[in-house]
Amino acid sequence: MADMLAPMLAIALFAVDRPFTTGTDLVHECKNYIAMLDNTRNLDSVDLYDAGACYGYIDGITAGLTSMRVACPTDAALGTLVRVYLVYMEKHPKTLDFAASAGVYGALQEAYPCPVKK
């Protein structure tokens, strides 16, 4: 049991150093996703992993926001949603240091606003 303590502490320290995915992180990952979709450059295994992380993150946040009725449902393809996110982040660079979910939320709200109920 004592042999496992040091690796467990090392993992815990790494986790504390990086508490959440930032907008900067997700923008980097999503640029790799778009490069993969458009086949604009050769991607190594790390780039492909990042592309998958973007896919999962955007898909998960979109599904969560839609199911909670925070964002309106859209039939847009995931690639389109990723592009919407990247454009939003270019227009709102202050969001880069926030949790990535804040940028996804803002992008969806701006691009796909819910109609006002009367």
Protein backbone atom coordinates (compact mmCIF):
# COMPACT_ATOMS: atom_id res chain seq x y z
CA MET A 1 0.00 0.00 0.00
CA ALA A 2 2.82 2.41 0.84
CA ASP A 3 4.31 1.76 -2.61
CA MET A 4 1.22 3.27 -4.18
CA LEU A 5 1.19 6.42 -2.08
CA ALA A 6 3.83 8.36 -4.04
CA PRO A 7 2.25 7.82 -7.48
CA MET A 8 -1.19 8.68 -6.10
CA LEU A 9 0.13 11.91 -4.60
CA ALA A 10 1.86 12.79 -7.87
CA ILE A 11 -1.40 12.31 -9.76
CA ALA A 12 -3.26 14.43 -7.20
CA LEU A 13 -0.71 17.25 -7.51
CA PHE A 14 -1.02 17.20 -11.30
CA ALA A 15 -4.80 17.39 -11.02
CA VAL A 16 -4.59 20.41 -8.72
CA ASP A 17 -2.32 22.19 -11.19
CA ARG A 18 -4.97 21.99 -13.90
CA PRO A 19 -8.46 22.18 -12.40
CA PHE A 20 -10.46 22.61 -15.62
CA THR A 21 -10.22 22.88 -19.37
CA THR A 22 -9.81 26.53 -20.34
CA GLY A 23 -11.01 28.25 -23.46
CA THR A 24 -7.41 28.33 -24.66
CA ASP A 25 -7.16 24.55 -24.28
CA LEU A 26 -10.39 23.90 -26.15
CA VAL A 27 -9.58 26.35 -28.96
CA HIS A 28 -6.30 24.49 -29.55
CA GLU A 29 -8.08 21.12 -29.56
CA CYS A 30 -10.86 22.37 -31.82
CA LYS A 31 -8.42 23.82 -34.35
CA ASN A 32 -7.03 20.29 -34.65
CA TYR A 33 -10.57 18.95 -35.08
CA ILE A 34 -11.23 21.38 -37.95
CA ALA A 35 -7.85 20.53 -39.52
CA MET A 36 -8.87 16.87 -39.36
CA LEU A 37 -12.29 17.57 -40.94
CA ASP A 38 -10.86 19.75 -43.69
CA ASN A 39 -7.75 17.59 -44.15
CA THR A 40 -5.61 20.74 -44.26
CA ARG A 41 -2.49 19.27 -42.67
CA ASN A 42 -0.99 16.05 -41.40
CA LEU A 43 -1.95 15.37 -37.80
CA ASP A 44 0.10 13.31 -35.39
CA SER A 45 -1.42 11.13 -32.67
CA VAL A 46 -1.47 14.00 -30.15
CA ASP A 47 -3.31 16.24 -32.63
CA LEU A 48 -5.83 13.46 -33.28
CA TYR A 49 -6.31 12.99 -29.54
CA ASP A 50 -6.95 16.74 -29.22
CA ALA A 51 -9.45 16.58 -32.09
CA GLY A 52 -11.30 13.81 -30.27
CA ALA A 53 -11.25 15.81 -27.04
CA CYS A 54 -12.84 18.76 -28.85
CA TYR A 55 -15.49 16.51 -30.38
CA GLY A 56 -16.40 15.00 -27.01
CA TYR A 57 -16.37 18.31 -25.16
CA ILE A 58 -18.51 20.25 -27.64
CA ASP A 59 -20.90 17.32 -28.08
CA GLY A 60 -21.27 16.83 -24.33
CA ILE A 61 -21.76 20.49 -23.45
CA THR A 62 -24.22 20.96 -26.32
CA ALA A 63 -26.27 17.94 -25.26
CA GLY A 64 -26.27 19.09 -21.64
CA LEU A 65 -27.29 22.67 -22.41
CA THR A 66 -30.00 21.50 -24.78
CA SER A 67 -31.44 18.94 -22.36
CA MET A 68 -31.53 21.54 -19.58
CA ARG A 69 -33.22 23.92 -22.06
CA VAL A 70 -30.46 26.47 -21.57
CA ALA A 71 -29.76 26.48 -25.30
CA CYS A 72 -32.17 25.83 -28.12
CA PRO A 73 -31.82 22.56 -29.99
CA THR A 74 -30.18 22.78 -33.37
CA ASP A 75 -29.78 20.36 -36.25
CA ALA A 76 -26.33 21.78 -36.97
CA ALA A 77 -23.56 19.25 -37.51
CA LEU A 78 -20.90 19.04 -34.85
CA GLY A 79 -18.33 20.48 -37.24
CA THR A 80 -20.54 23.54 -37.62
CA LEU A 81 -20.87 23.90 -33.85
CA VAL A 82 -17.09 23.71 -33.49
CA ARG A 83 -16.67 26.45 -36.11
CA VAL A 84 -19.29 28.58 -34.32
CA TYR A 85 -17.32 28.12 -31.09
CA LEU A 86 -14.01 29.12 -32.72
CA VAL A 87 -15.53 32.26 -34.28
CA TYR A 88 -17.07 33.21 -30.94
CA MET A 89 -13.73 32.79 -29.17
CA GLU A 90 -12.00 35.02 -31.73
CA LYS A 91 -14.59 37.73 -31.05
CA HIS A 92 -14.38 37.27 -27.26
CA PRO A 93 -10.70 36.65 -26.40
CA LYS A 94 -11.23 37.46 -22.71
CA THR A 95 -13.12 34.17 -22.51
CA LEU A 96 -9.94 32.21 -23.31
CA ASP A 97 -8.91 32.13 -19.64
CA PHE A 98 -12.33 30.99 -18.39
CA ALA A 99 -13.61 27.45 -18.21
CA ALA A 100 -14.15 26.20 -21.75
CA SER A 101 -17.81 25.54 -21.00
CA ALA A 102 -18.38 29.31 -20.66
CA GLY A 103 -17.25 29.86 -24.24
CA VAL A 104 -19.34 27.00 -25.60
CA TYR A 105 -22.36 28.34 -23.73
CA GLY A 106 -21.79 31.88 -25.05
CA ALA A 107 -21.29 30.66 -28.61
CA LEU A 108 -24.49 28.62 -28.58
CA GLN A 109 -26.50 31.43 -27.03
CA GLU A 110 -25.24 33.90 -29.63
CA ALA A 111 -25.63 31.64 -32.67
CA TYR A 112 -28.80 29.79 -31.69
CA PRO A 113 -30.89 32.06 -29.46
CA CYS A 114 -34.13 30.65 -28.14
CA PRO A 115 -37.29 32.42 -29.27
CA VAL A 116 -38.89 34.59 -26.63
CA LYS A 117 -42.12 33.06 -25.33
CA LYS A 118 -45.09 35.42 -25.22
